[in-house]
Amino acid sequence: MFTGIVERSARILDCATTPHGRRLTVNARPETSSTGELAPWNDLVAGESISVDGACLTLLPGSGNLHFDVVEETLRRTVLGTRPVDSIVNLERALRVGDRLGGHYVTGHIDTQGTIRTIEREGEIYWVIEHDPASRFRTVEKGSVTVDGVSLTVASCTERCFSIALIPHTLEITSLGHRIVGDAVNLEMDHFGRWVDELHRDRQGDST
């Protein structure tokens, strides 16, 4: 479980093909950090969960940098299948009991990919993101959404698109500051909204 409050962003150093997908190597020294401290994490443990651009991955044993095995299903469903070497990705360690919940409950299970259609920089910075309406992804105005692992509030939405407002601080400390129009992003709907959607579908099925 995560919160969508990105702790730091770092650069992909290598994407090696494996029999089951890709071995992703991420620089342990971050490009940016929400705490202002650029030192690597010193208490990482192999086997722990880390959100990488919003996708929950398992840290592999190894010294120096961060290593993850990304299976074919994850490569197909998320942007990690197309992120090239030298890309910046968001990193967040799993939520511990007693931690502050600054964002919202994030599972690290990506619902679908979206595409940045517009970036408006007049006054506030607004993005419009398009997604496949046939997917299970849903959101509502003023609801929570996770974009590449970042917890954000939906400003407005239609069947195919939603908009978000971004503050300069978010763009500075996350990978979102490196994204441009046309880029794909990982999307995860609000966890509680998913349960409501499932319950609604079940009830519709019972009534037919």
N, C-alpha and C. Protein backbone atom coordinates (compact mmCIF):
# COMPACT_ATOMS: atom_id res chain seq x y z
N MET A 1 0.84 -1.19 0.00
CA MET A 1 0.00 0.00 0.00
C MET A 1 0.88 1.24 0.00
N PHE A 2 0.48 2.25 -0.78
CA PHE A 2 1.23 3.50 -0.90
C PHE A 2 0.26 4.67 -0.69
N THR A 3 0.81 5.88 -0.75
CA THR A 3 -0.03 7.06 -0.56
C THR A 3 -0.07 7.98 -1.77
N GLY A 4 0.81 7.76 -2.72
CA GLY A 4 0.88 8.66 -3.87
C GLY A 4 1.68 9.92 -3.58
N ILE A 5 2.34 9.99 -2.43
CA ILE A 5 3.23 11.11 -2.13
C ILE A 5 4.64 10.65 -2.49
N VAL A 6 5.10 11.03 -3.68
CA VAL A 6 6.38 10.56 -4.20
C VAL A 6 7.51 11.06 -3.32
N GLU A 7 8.37 10.13 -2.91
CA GLU A 7 9.49 10.50 -2.05
C GLU A 7 10.67 11.02 -2.83
N ARG A 8 10.86 10.49 -4.02
CA ARG A 8 11.97 10.93 -4.87
C ARG A 8 11.79 10.39 -6.28
N SER A 9 12.50 10.97 -7.22
CA SER A 9 12.51 10.45 -8.58
C SER A 9 13.95 10.13 -8.96
N ALA A 10 14.10 9.14 -9.84
CA ALA A 10 15.44 8.70 -10.20
C ALA A 10 15.45 8.25 -11.66
N ARG A 11 16.65 8.04 -12.17
CA ARG A 11 16.84 7.74 -13.59
C ARG A 11 16.98 6.24 -13.84
N ILE A 12 16.33 5.74 -14.91
CA ILE A 12 16.52 4.36 -15.32
C ILE A 12 17.91 4.22 -15.94
N LEU A 13 18.69 3.29 -15.42
CA LEU A 13 20.05 3.07 -15.92
C LEU A 13 20.13 1.94 -16.93
N ASP A 14 19.24 0.96 -16.80
CA ASP A 14 19.32 -0.19 -17.71
C ASP A 14 17.98 -0.91 -17.76
N CYS A 15 17.64 -1.45 -18.93
CA CYS A 15 16.45 -2.28 -19.12
C CYS A 15 16.89 -3.52 -19.89
N ALA A 16 17.19 -4.58 -19.18
CA ALA A 16 17.70 -5.80 -19.81
C ALA A 16 16.58 -6.81 -20.00
N THR A 17 16.52 -7.43 -21.17
CA THR A 17 15.52 -8.44 -21.44
C THR A 17 15.84 -9.73 -20.68
N THR A 18 14.81 -10.31 -20.08
CA THR A 18 14.95 -11.57 -19.34
C THR A 18 13.96 -12.58 -19.92
N PRO A 19 14.06 -13.86 -19.56
CA PRO A 19 13.10 -14.85 -20.07
C PRO A 19 11.65 -14.54 -19.68
N HIS A 20 11.45 -13.75 -18.63
CA HIS A 20 10.10 -13.49 -18.14
C HIS A 20 9.69 -12.03 -18.27
N GLY A 21 10.50 -11.19 -18.90
CA GLY A 21 10.16 -9.78 -19.03
C GLY A 21 11.39 -8.90 -19.15
N ARG A 22 11.54 -7.98 -18.18
CA ARG A 22 12.70 -7.07 -18.19
C ARG A 22 13.26 -6.93 -16.79
N ARG A 23 14.57 -6.76 -16.72
CA ARG A 23 15.23 -6.43 -15.47
C ARG A 23 15.51 -4.91 -15.51
N LEU A 24 14.84 -4.21 -14.62
CA LEU A 24 14.92 -2.75 -14.58
C LEU A 24 15.92 -2.33 -13.52
N THR A 25 16.88 -1.51 -13.90
CA THR A 25 17.87 -0.97 -12.95
C THR A 25 17.68 0.53 -12.85
N VAL A 26 17.43 1.00 -11.63
CA VAL A 26 17.17 2.42 -11.38
C VAL A 26 18.29 2.96 -10.49
N ASN A 27 18.74 4.14 -10.80
CA ASN A 27 19.81 4.77 -10.04
C ASN A 27 19.38 4.94 -8.58
N ALA A 28 20.20 4.45 -7.66
CA ALA A 28 19.87 4.59 -6.24
C ALA A 28 19.99 6.04 -5.78
N ARG A 29 20.79 6.81 -6.48
CA ARG A 29 20.92 8.23 -6.13
C ARG A 29 19.85 9.01 -6.90
N PRO A 30 18.93 9.63 -6.19
CA PRO A 30 17.80 10.28 -6.87
C PRO A 30 18.17 11.57 -7.58
N GLU A 31 17.37 11.88 -8.57
CA GLU A 31 17.48 13.18 -9.25
C GLU A 31 16.92 14.28 -8.37
N THR A 32 15.78 13.99 -7.73
CA THR A 32 15.13 14.95 -6.84
C THR A 32 14.58 14.21 -5.65
N SER A 33 14.32 14.94 -4.58
CA SER A 33 13.76 14.34 -3.37
C SER A 33 12.84 15.34 -2.71
N SER A 34 11.71 14.82 -2.22
CA SER A 34 10.76 15.70 -1.55
C SER A 34 11.30 16.20 -0.21
N THR A 35 12.31 15.52 0.32
CA THR A 35 12.91 15.96 1.59
C THR A 35 14.09 16.87 1.38
N GLY A 36 14.53 17.01 0.13
CA GLY A 36 15.68 17.85 -0.15
C GLY A 36 17.00 17.13 0.05
N GLU A 37 16.96 15.91 0.56
CA GLU A 37 18.17 15.14 0.80
C GLU A 37 18.37 14.15 -0.35
N LEU A 38 19.50 14.26 -1.07
CA LEU A 38 19.72 13.45 -2.24
C LEU A 38 20.50 12.17 -1.95
N ALA A 39 20.75 11.87 -0.68
CA ALA A 39 21.47 10.64 -0.35
C ALA A 39 20.57 9.42 -0.62
N PRO A 40 21.16 8.28 -1.05
CA PRO A 40 20.35 7.07 -1.28
C PRO A 40 19.71 6.57 0.01
N TRP A 41 18.65 5.81 -0.14
CA TRP A 41 18.05 5.13 1.00
C TRP A 41 19.07 4.14 1.56
N ASN A 42 19.26 4.13 2.85
CA ASN A 42 20.28 3.27 3.45
C ASN A 42 19.71 2.03 4.13
N ASP A 43 18.39 1.92 4.24
CA ASP A 43 17.80 0.78 4.96
C ASP A 43 16.89 -0.06 4.08
N LEU A 44 17.14 -0.05 2.77
CA LEU A 44 16.34 -0.87 1.87
C LEU A 44 16.61 -2.35 2.12
N VAL A 45 15.56 -3.16 1.98
CA VAL A 45 15.67 -4.60 2.21
C VAL A 45 15.14 -5.32 0.98
N ALA A 46 15.91 -6.27 0.46
CA ALA A 46 15.45 -7.06 -0.68
C ALA A 46 14.11 -7.71 -0.36
N GLY A 47 13.20 -7.64 -1.30
CA GLY A 47 11.87 -8.20 -1.10
C GLY A 47 10.82 -7.17 -0.75
N GLU A 48 11.23 -5.96 -0.40
CA GLU A 48 10.24 -4.95 -0.05
C GLU A 48 9.61 -4.37 -1.32
N SER A 49 8.42 -3.81 -1.16
CA SER A 49 7.68 -3.24 -2.29
C SER A 49 8.03 -1.78 -2.46
N ILE A 50 8.26 -1.39 -3.71
CA ILE A 50 8.52 0.00 -4.05
C ILE A 50 7.66 0.35 -5.26
N SER A 51 7.00 1.49 -5.19
CA SER A 51 6.22 1.97 -6.31
C SER A 51 7.14 2.65 -7.31
N VAL A 52 7.14 2.16 -8.55
CA VAL A 52 7.96 2.73 -9.62
C VAL A 52 7.01 3.28 -10.68
N ASP A 53 6.90 4.59 -10.76
CA ASP A 53 5.90 5.24 -11.62
C ASP A 53 4.51 4.69 -11.36
N GLY A 54 4.24 4.38 -10.08
CA GLY A 54 2.91 3.94 -9.68
C GLY A 54 2.69 2.45 -9.70
N ALA A 55 3.63 1.68 -10.27
CA ALA A 55 3.50 0.22 -10.32
C ALA A 55 4.26 -0.40 -9.16
N CYS A 56 3.60 -1.26 -8.41
CA CYS A 56 4.23 -1.90 -7.25
C CYS A 56 5.18 -2.99 -7.74
N LEU A 57 6.49 -2.83 -7.44
CA LEU A 57 7.51 -3.79 -7.83
C LEU A 57 8.26 -4.27 -6.59
N THR A 58 8.88 -5.44 -6.72
CA THR A 58 9.64 -6.03 -5.62
C THR A 58 11.12 -5.75 -5.81
N LEU A 59 11.74 -5.20 -4.79
CA LEU A 59 13.17 -4.90 -4.85
C LEU A 59 13.97 -6.20 -4.81
N LEU A 60 14.91 -6.35 -5.74
CA LEU A 60 15.74 -7.54 -5.81
C LEU A 60 17.01 -7.37 -4.98
N PRO A 61 17.63 -8.47 -4.59
CA PRO A 61 18.92 -8.36 -3.89
C PRO A 61 19.96 -7.73 -4.80
N GLY A 62 20.89 -7.02 -4.20
CA GLY A 62 21.96 -6.38 -4.98
C GLY A 62 22.40 -5.10 -4.32
N SER A 63 23.63 -4.77 -4.52
CA SER A 63 24.18 -3.55 -3.93
C SER A 63 24.25 -2.45 -4.98
N GLY A 64 24.39 -1.23 -4.51
CA GLY A 64 24.54 -0.10 -5.43
C GLY A 64 23.21 0.48 -5.84
N ASN A 65 22.69 0.04 -6.99
CA ASN A 65 21.47 0.60 -7.53
C ASN A 65 20.24 -0.25 -7.16
N LEU A 66 19.07 0.14 -7.65
CA LEU A 66 17.83 -0.56 -7.37
C LEU A 66 17.49 -1.46 -8.56
N HIS A 67 17.20 -2.73 -8.29
CA HIS A 67 16.94 -3.69 -9.36
C HIS A 67 15.55 -4.30 -9.17
N PHE A 68 14.81 -4.40 -10.29
CA PHE A 68 13.45 -4.94 -10.26
C PHE A 68 13.25 -5.84 -11.47
N ASP A 69 12.56 -6.96 -11.27
CA ASP A 69 12.10 -7.78 -12.38
C ASP A 69 10.68 -7.36 -12.71
N VAL A 70 10.43 -7.03 -13.98
CA VAL A 70 9.11 -6.60 -14.43
C VAL A 70 8.57 -7.67 -15.38
N VAL A 71 7.49 -8.34 -15.01
CA VAL A 71 6.96 -9.44 -15.79
C VAL A 71 6.18 -8.92 -16.99
N GLU A 72 5.89 -9.83 -17.93
CA GLU A 72 5.23 -9.44 -19.17
C GLU A 72 3.89 -8.75 -18.93
N GLU A 73 3.10 -9.23 -17.98
CA GLU A 73 1.80 -8.64 -17.70
C GLU A 73 1.95 -7.17 -17.30
N THR A 74 2.93 -6.88 -16.44
CA THR A 74 3.16 -5.50 -16.02
C THR A 74 3.67 -4.65 -17.18
N LEU A 75 4.55 -5.23 -18.01
CA LEU A 75 5.06 -4.50 -19.17
C LEU A 75 3.93 -4.15 -20.14
N ARG A 76 2.97 -5.06 -20.27
CA ARG A 76 1.86 -4.83 -21.20
C ARG A 76 0.88 -3.80 -20.67
N ARG A 77 0.64 -3.80 -19.37
CA ARG A 77 -0.39 -2.94 -18.80
C ARG A 77 0.11 -1.56 -18.38
N THR A 78 1.41 -1.39 -18.24
CA THR A 78 1.94 -0.13 -17.70
C THR A 78 2.95 0.50 -18.65
N VAL A 79 3.33 1.73 -18.31
CA VAL A 79 4.31 2.44 -19.13
C VAL A 79 5.71 1.87 -18.97
N LEU A 80 5.92 0.99 -17.99
CA LEU A 80 7.26 0.43 -17.79
C LEU A 80 7.69 -0.43 -18.97
N GLY A 81 6.75 -0.81 -19.81
CA GLY A 81 7.11 -1.56 -21.00
C GLY A 81 7.72 -0.71 -22.09
N THR A 82 7.57 0.62 -21.98
CA THR A 82 8.08 1.51 -23.03
C THR A 82 9.03 2.58 -22.50
N ARG A 83 9.19 2.67 -21.19
CA ARG A 83 10.11 3.67 -20.65
C ARG A 83 11.54 3.31 -21.05
N PRO A 84 12.25 4.19 -21.76
CA PRO A 84 13.61 3.87 -22.19
C PRO A 84 14.64 4.19 -21.11
N VAL A 85 15.85 3.70 -21.33
CA VAL A 85 16.96 4.05 -20.46
C VAL A 85 17.11 5.56 -20.43
N ASP A 86 17.42 6.10 -19.29
CA ASP A 86 17.62 7.54 -19.03
C ASP A 86 16.32 8.26 -18.70
N SER A 87 15.18 7.54 -18.73
CA SER A 87 13.93 8.15 -18.30
C SER A 87 13.94 8.37 -16.79
N ILE A 88 13.18 9.37 -16.34
CA ILE A 88 13.01 9.63 -14.92
C ILE A 88 11.73 8.96 -14.45
N VAL A 89 11.81 8.20 -13.34
CA VAL A 89 10.63 7.54 -12.78
C VAL A 89 10.44 7.96 -11.33
N ASN A 90 9.19 7.88 -10.87
CA ASN A 90 8.87 8.23 -9.48
C ASN A 90 9.04 7.01 -8.59
N LEU A 91 9.53 7.23 -7.37
CA LEU A 91 9.74 6.15 -6.42
C LEU A 91 9.06 6.49 -5.09
N GLU A 92 8.39 5.47 -4.53
CA GLU A 92 7.81 5.61 -3.20
C GLU A 92 7.89 4.27 -2.49
N ARG A 93 8.35 4.27 -1.26
CA ARG A 93 8.37 3.04 -0.48
C ARG A 93 6.99 2.78 0.10
N ALA A 94 6.73 1.52 0.45
CA ALA A 94 5.42 1.13 0.95
C ALA A 94 5.10 1.84 2.26
N LEU A 95 3.82 2.09 2.47
CA LEU A 95 3.33 2.75 3.68
C LEU A 95 3.54 1.87 4.90
N ARG A 96 4.06 2.46 5.98
CA ARG A 96 4.20 1.75 7.25
C ARG A 96 3.06 2.15 8.19
N VAL A 97 2.69 1.24 9.07
CA VAL A 97 1.66 1.54 10.06
C VAL A 97 2.13 2.73 10.90
N GLY A 98 1.27 3.74 11.01
CA GLY A 98 1.62 4.93 11.77
C GLY A 98 2.12 6.08 10.93
N ASP A 99 2.43 5.82 9.62
CA ASP A 99 2.87 6.90 8.75
C ASP A 99 1.72 7.86 8.47
N ARG A 100 2.09 9.10 8.16
CA ARG A 100 1.08 10.06 7.74
C ARG A 100 0.56 9.69 6.36
N LEU A 101 -0.74 9.81 6.18
CA LEU A 101 -1.36 9.54 4.89
C LEU A 101 -1.63 10.87 4.21
N GLY A 102 -0.61 11.38 3.52
CA GLY A 102 -0.73 12.70 2.93
C GLY A 102 -1.50 12.72 1.62
N GLY A 103 -1.57 11.58 0.93
CA GLY A 103 -2.28 11.52 -0.34
C GLY A 103 -3.58 10.76 -0.19
N HIS A 104 -3.65 9.57 -0.78
CA HIS A 104 -4.79 8.68 -0.59
C HIS A 104 -4.28 7.25 -0.70
N TYR A 105 -5.13 6.28 -0.41
CA TYR A 105 -4.71 4.89 -0.47
C TYR A 105 -4.45 4.49 -1.93
N VAL A 106 -3.24 4.05 -2.18
CA VAL A 106 -2.81 3.66 -3.52
C VAL A 106 -2.30 2.22 -3.45
N THR A 107 -2.78 1.36 -4.34
CA THR A 107 -2.41 -0.05 -4.27
C THR A 107 -1.16 -0.38 -5.08
N GLY A 108 -0.85 0.44 -6.08
CA GLY A 108 0.27 0.11 -6.96
C GLY A 108 -0.13 -0.84 -8.07
N HIS A 109 -1.45 -1.06 -8.25
CA HIS A 109 -1.96 -1.91 -9.32
C HIS A 109 -2.58 -0.99 -10.38
N ILE A 110 -1.91 -0.86 -11.49
CA ILE A 110 -2.31 0.09 -12.52
C ILE A 110 -3.58 -0.38 -13.22
N ASP A 111 -4.54 0.51 -13.39
CA ASP A 111 -5.80 0.17 -14.05
C ASP A 111 -5.68 0.27 -15.56
N THR A 112 -5.00 1.30 -16.04
CA THR A 112 -4.87 1.50 -17.48
C THR A 112 -3.80 2.57 -17.71
N GLN A 113 -3.47 2.75 -18.97
CA GLN A 113 -2.57 3.84 -19.34
C GLN A 113 -3.39 4.99 -19.91
N GLY A 114 -2.88 6.19 -19.72
CA GLY A 114 -3.49 7.38 -20.30
C GLY A 114 -2.49 8.10 -21.17
N THR A 115 -2.97 9.06 -21.95
CA THR A 115 -2.11 9.86 -22.82
C THR A 115 -2.32 11.34 -22.52
N ILE A 116 -1.24 12.06 -22.33
CA ILE A 116 -1.34 13.50 -22.09
C ILE A 116 -1.74 14.18 -23.39
N ARG A 117 -2.91 14.80 -23.41
CA ARG A 117 -3.40 15.43 -24.63
C ARG A 117 -3.06 16.92 -24.69
N THR A 118 -3.17 17.62 -23.57
CA THR A 118 -2.82 19.04 -23.57
C THR A 118 -2.15 19.40 -22.25
N ILE A 119 -1.27 20.39 -22.32
CA ILE A 119 -0.66 20.98 -21.14
C ILE A 119 -0.82 22.49 -21.26
N GLU A 120 -1.60 23.06 -20.36
CA GLU A 120 -1.86 24.50 -20.38
C GLU A 120 -1.05 25.15 -19.27
N ARG A 121 -0.36 26.21 -19.60
CA ARG A 121 0.52 26.86 -18.63
C ARG A 121 0.15 28.32 -18.38
N GLU A 122 -1.06 28.71 -18.75
CA GLU A 122 -1.51 30.07 -18.49
C GLU A 122 -2.11 30.13 -17.09
N GLY A 123 -1.47 30.86 -16.22
CA GLY A 123 -1.90 30.89 -14.83
C GLY A 123 -1.54 29.57 -14.18
N GLU A 124 -2.53 28.74 -13.83
CA GLU A 124 -2.26 27.42 -13.28
C GLU A 124 -1.86 26.45 -14.39
N ILE A 125 -1.18 25.40 -14.01
CA ILE A 125 -0.74 24.38 -14.96
C ILE A 125 -1.77 23.25 -14.97
N TYR A 126 -2.41 23.05 -16.10
CA TYR A 126 -3.44 22.02 -16.23
C TYR A 126 -3.01 20.99 -17.28
N TRP A 127 -3.24 19.74 -16.95
CA TRP A 127 -3.09 18.67 -17.93
C TRP A 127 -4.46 18.10 -18.25
N VAL A 128 -4.65 17.70 -19.49
CA VAL A 128 -5.80 16.90 -19.88
C VAL A 128 -5.27 15.54 -20.31
N ILE A 129 -5.77 14.48 -19.67
CA ILE A 129 -5.31 13.12 -19.93
C ILE A 129 -6.47 12.31 -20.50
N GLU A 130 -6.22 11.65 -21.61
CA GLU A 130 -7.22 10.80 -22.24
C GLU A 130 -6.96 9.34 -21.88
N HIS A 131 -8.04 8.59 -21.67
CA HIS A 131 -7.91 7.17 -21.37
C HIS A 131 -8.95 6.39 -22.15
N ASP A 132 -8.79 5.10 -22.20
CA ASP A 132 -9.72 4.23 -22.92
C ASP A 132 -11.00 4.07 -22.11
N PRO A 133 -12.14 4.55 -22.61
CA PRO A 133 -13.39 4.44 -21.84
C PRO A 133 -13.85 2.99 -21.68
N ALA A 134 -13.28 2.07 -22.46
CA ALA A 134 -13.65 0.66 -22.35
C ALA A 134 -12.93 -0.02 -21.19
N SER A 135 -11.93 0.64 -20.61
CA SER A 135 -11.21 0.06 -19.48
C SER A 135 -12.04 0.20 -18.21
N ARG A 136 -11.59 -0.44 -17.14
CA ARG A 136 -12.30 -0.36 -15.86
C ARG A 136 -11.99 0.94 -15.11
N PHE A 137 -11.08 1.73 -15.63
CA PHE A 137 -10.70 2.98 -14.96
C PHE A 137 -11.87 3.96 -14.95
N ARG A 138 -12.14 4.53 -13.76
CA ARG A 138 -13.18 5.54 -13.60
C ARG A 138 -12.69 6.60 -12.63
N THR A 139 -13.17 7.80 -12.80
CA THR A 139 -12.86 8.84 -11.83
C THR A 139 -14.02 9.84 -11.80
N VAL A 140 -14.01 10.69 -10.81
CA VAL A 140 -15.07 11.69 -10.66
C VAL A 140 -14.45 13.04 -10.35
N GLU A 141 -15.19 14.10 -10.63
CA GLU A 141 -14.71 15.44 -10.33
C GLU A 141 -14.44 15.59 -8.83
N LYS A 142 -13.27 16.14 -8.52
CA LYS A 142 -12.78 16.34 -7.14
C LYS A 142 -12.39 15.03 -6.46
N GLY A 143 -12.40 13.94 -7.22
CA GLY A 143 -11.95 12.67 -6.67
C GLY A 143 -10.44 12.54 -6.78
N SER A 144 -9.90 11.48 -6.20
CA SER A 144 -8.46 11.23 -6.24
C SER A 144 -8.10 10.34 -7.41
N VAL A 145 -6.93 10.57 -7.96
CA VAL A 145 -6.41 9.74 -9.05
C VAL A 145 -4.89 9.68 -8.88
N THR A 146 -4.30 8.58 -9.33
CA THR A 146 -2.85 8.45 -9.29
C THR A 146 -2.32 8.45 -10.71
N VAL A 147 -1.41 9.39 -10.99
CA VAL A 147 -0.80 9.52 -12.30
C VAL A 147 0.70 9.28 -12.15
N ASP A 148 1.19 8.18 -12.73
CA ASP A 148 2.60 7.79 -12.58
C ASP A 148 3.01 7.76 -11.11
N GLY A 149 2.09 7.30 -10.26
CA GLY A 149 2.39 7.17 -8.85
C GLY A 149 2.17 8.41 -8.02
N VAL A 150 1.71 9.50 -8.62
CA VAL A 150 1.50 10.77 -7.91
C VAL A 150 0.02 10.93 -7.58
N SER A 151 -0.29 11.15 -6.31
CA SER A 151 -1.67 11.38 -5.89
C SER A 151 -2.10 12.78 -6.27
N LEU A 152 -3.19 12.87 -7.07
CA LEU A 152 -3.67 14.16 -7.55
C LEU A 152 -5.19 14.22 -7.44
N THR A 153 -5.73 15.43 -7.53
CA THR A 153 -7.17 15.65 -7.47
C THR A 153 -7.69 15.97 -8.86
N VAL A 154 -8.78 15.31 -9.24
CA VAL A 154 -9.38 15.53 -10.55
C VAL A 154 -10.09 16.88 -10.56
N ALA A 155 -9.74 17.73 -11.54
CA ALA A 155 -10.40 19.03 -11.66
C ALA A 155 -11.72 18.91 -12.41
N SER A 156 -11.72 18.13 -13.48
CA SER A 156 -12.95 17.90 -14.25
C SER A 156 -12.77 16.60 -15.00
N CYS A 157 -13.89 16.02 -15.48
CA CYS A 157 -13.75 14.76 -16.20
C CYS A 157 -14.92 14.56 -17.15
N THR A 158 -14.65 13.79 -18.22
CA THR A 158 -15.65 13.34 -19.15
C THR A 158 -15.50 11.83 -19.27
N GLU A 159 -16.20 11.22 -20.20
CA GLU A 159 -16.11 9.77 -20.36
C GLU A 159 -14.71 9.34 -20.78
N ARG A 160 -14.03 10.18 -21.58
CA ARG A 160 -12.73 9.79 -22.13
C ARG A 160 -11.55 10.52 -21.51
N CYS A 161 -11.79 11.67 -20.89
CA CYS A 161 -10.69 12.52 -20.43
C CYS A 161 -10.94 13.03 -19.02
N PHE A 162 -9.85 13.42 -18.37
CA PHE A 162 -9.98 14.17 -17.12
C PHE A 162 -8.83 15.17 -17.07
N SER A 163 -9.02 16.21 -16.27
CA SER A 163 -7.98 17.23 -16.13
C SER A 163 -7.50 17.28 -14.69
N ILE A 164 -6.24 17.67 -14.54
CA ILE A 164 -5.64 17.82 -13.22
C ILE A 164 -4.87 19.13 -13.20
N ALA A 165 -4.82 19.75 -12.04
CA ALA A 165 -4.02 20.96 -11.85
C ALA A 165 -2.74 20.57 -11.11
N LEU A 166 -1.61 21.06 -11.59
CA LEU A 166 -0.32 20.72 -11.01
C LEU A 166 0.37 21.96 -10.48
N ILE A 167 0.90 21.87 -9.26
CA ILE A 167 1.65 22.98 -8.71
C ILE A 167 3.12 22.83 -9.10
N PRO A 168 3.88 23.92 -9.14
CA PRO A 168 5.29 23.84 -9.53
C PRO A 168 6.10 22.85 -8.69
N HIS A 169 5.79 22.73 -7.39
CA HIS A 169 6.53 21.82 -6.52
C HIS A 169 6.40 20.38 -7.00
N THR A 170 5.19 19.98 -7.41
CA THR A 170 4.99 18.62 -7.91
C THR A 170 5.82 18.37 -9.16
N LEU A 171 5.83 19.34 -10.06
CA LEU A 171 6.60 19.20 -11.29
C LEU A 171 8.10 19.16 -11.01
N GLU A 172 8.51 19.83 -9.95
CA GLU A 172 9.93 19.90 -9.63
C GLU A 172 10.46 18.60 -9.02
N ILE A 173 9.67 17.95 -8.17
CA ILE A 173 10.19 16.79 -7.43
C ILE A 173 9.75 15.45 -7.99
N THR A 174 8.91 15.44 -9.03
CA THR A 174 8.46 14.18 -9.61
C THR A 174 8.82 14.12 -11.09
N SER A 175 8.60 12.95 -11.67
CA SER A 175 8.87 12.77 -13.09
C SER A 175 7.89 13.53 -13.98
N LEU A 176 6.80 14.01 -13.40
CA LEU A 176 5.80 14.71 -14.22
C LEU A 176 6.38 15.97 -14.87
N GLY A 177 7.39 16.54 -14.26
CA GLY A 177 8.03 17.72 -14.85
C GLY A 177 8.77 17.41 -16.13
N HIS A 178 8.99 16.13 -16.41
CA HIS A 178 9.70 15.71 -17.62
C HIS A 178 8.75 15.23 -18.71
N ARG A 179 7.46 15.17 -18.43
CA ARG A 179 6.50 14.66 -19.39
C ARG A 179 6.06 15.76 -20.36
N ILE A 180 5.74 15.33 -21.59
CA ILE A 180 5.29 16.26 -22.63
C ILE A 180 4.00 15.71 -23.24
N VAL A 181 3.35 16.55 -24.05
CA VAL A 181 2.13 16.13 -24.73
C VAL A 181 2.42 14.89 -25.59
N GLY A 182 1.55 13.92 -25.49
CA GLY A 182 1.72 12.68 -26.24
C GLY A 182 2.31 11.55 -25.42
N ASP A 183 2.88 11.87 -24.26
CA ASP A 183 3.47 10.84 -23.41
C ASP A 183 2.38 9.98 -22.77
N ALA A 184 2.71 8.70 -22.58
CA ALA A 184 1.82 7.79 -21.86
C ALA A 184 2.12 7.85 -20.38
N VAL A 185 1.09 7.69 -19.55
CA VAL A 185 1.24 7.70 -18.10
C VAL A 185 0.42 6.57 -17.50
N ASN A 186 0.88 6.08 -16.34
CA ASN A 186 0.13 5.06 -15.60
C ASN A 186 -1.02 5.71 -14.83
N LEU A 187 -2.18 5.05 -14.83
CA LEU A 187 -3.34 5.57 -14.12
C LEU A 187 -3.88 4.51 -13.16
N GLU A 188 -4.14 4.92 -11.94
CA GLU A 188 -4.83 4.07 -10.98
C GLU A 188 -5.99 4.84 -10.38
N MET A 189 -7.17 4.27 -10.46
CA MET A 189 -8.35 4.92 -9.90
C MET A 189 -8.33 4.80 -8.38
N ASP A 190 -9.16 5.58 -7.74
CA ASP A 190 -9.25 5.55 -6.29
C ASP A 190 -9.68 4.15 -5.83
N HIS A 191 -8.98 3.62 -4.83
CA HIS A 191 -9.21 2.25 -4.38
C HIS A 191 -10.65 2.04 -3.90
N PHE A 192 -11.19 3.00 -3.17
CA PHE A 192 -12.57 2.87 -2.68
C PHE A 192 -13.57 2.99 -3.82
N GLY A 193 -13.23 3.82 -4.80
CA GLY A 193 -14.08 3.92 -5.98
C GLY A 193 -14.15 2.61 -6.74
N ARG A 194 -13.05 1.85 -6.74
CA ARG A 194 -13.03 0.56 -7.41
C ARG A 194 -14.03 -0.40 -6.74
N TRP A 195 -14.05 -0.37 -5.41
CA TRP A 195 -14.99 -1.25 -4.69
C TRP A 195 -16.43 -0.86 -4.96
N VAL A 196 -16.70 0.43 -5.00
CA VAL A 196 -18.06 0.89 -5.30
C VAL A 196 -18.46 0.46 -6.70
N ASP A 197 -17.52 0.59 -7.66
CA ASP A 197 -17.80 0.19 -9.03
C ASP A 197 -18.09 -1.31 -9.12
N GLU A 198 -17.29 -2.12 -8.40
CA GLU A 198 -17.50 -3.56 -8.41
C GLU A 198 -18.86 -3.92 -7.81
N LEU A 199 -19.22 -3.25 -6.70
CA LEU A 199 -20.51 -3.51 -6.06
C LEU A 199 -21.66 -3.15 -6.98
N HIS A 200 -21.52 -2.01 -7.66
CA HIS A 200 -22.56 -1.57 -8.60
C HIS A 200 -22.73 -2.58 -9.73
N ARG A 201 -21.61 -3.08 -10.26
CA ARG A 201 -21.68 -4.07 -11.34
C ARG A 201 -22.32 -5.36 -10.85
N ASP A 202 -21.98 -5.77 -9.63
CA ASP A 202 -22.57 -6.99 -9.07
C ASP A 202 -24.09 -6.84 -8.94
N ARG A 203 -24.53 -5.68 -8.45
CA ARG A 203 -25.97 -5.46 -8.25
C ARG A 203 -26.71 -5.41 -9.58
N GLN A 204 -26.06 -4.82 -10.58
CA GLN A 204 -26.69 -4.81 -11.90
C GLN A 204 -26.84 -6.23 -12.43
N GLY A 205 -25.82 -7.06 -12.17
CA GLY A 205 -25.88 -8.44 -12.61
C GLY A 205 -26.97 -9.21 -11.89
N ASP A 206 -27.20 -8.92 -10.61
CA ASP A 206 -28.23 -9.61 -9.84
C ASP A 206 -29.63 -9.27 -10.31
N SER A 207 -29.78 -8.05 -10.86
CA SER A 207 -31.12 -7.59 -11.24
C SER A 207 -31.53 -8.02 -12.63
N THR A 208 -30.58 -8.63 -13.36
CA THR A 208 -30.92 -9.03 -14.73
C THR A 208 -31.23 -10.52 -14.81
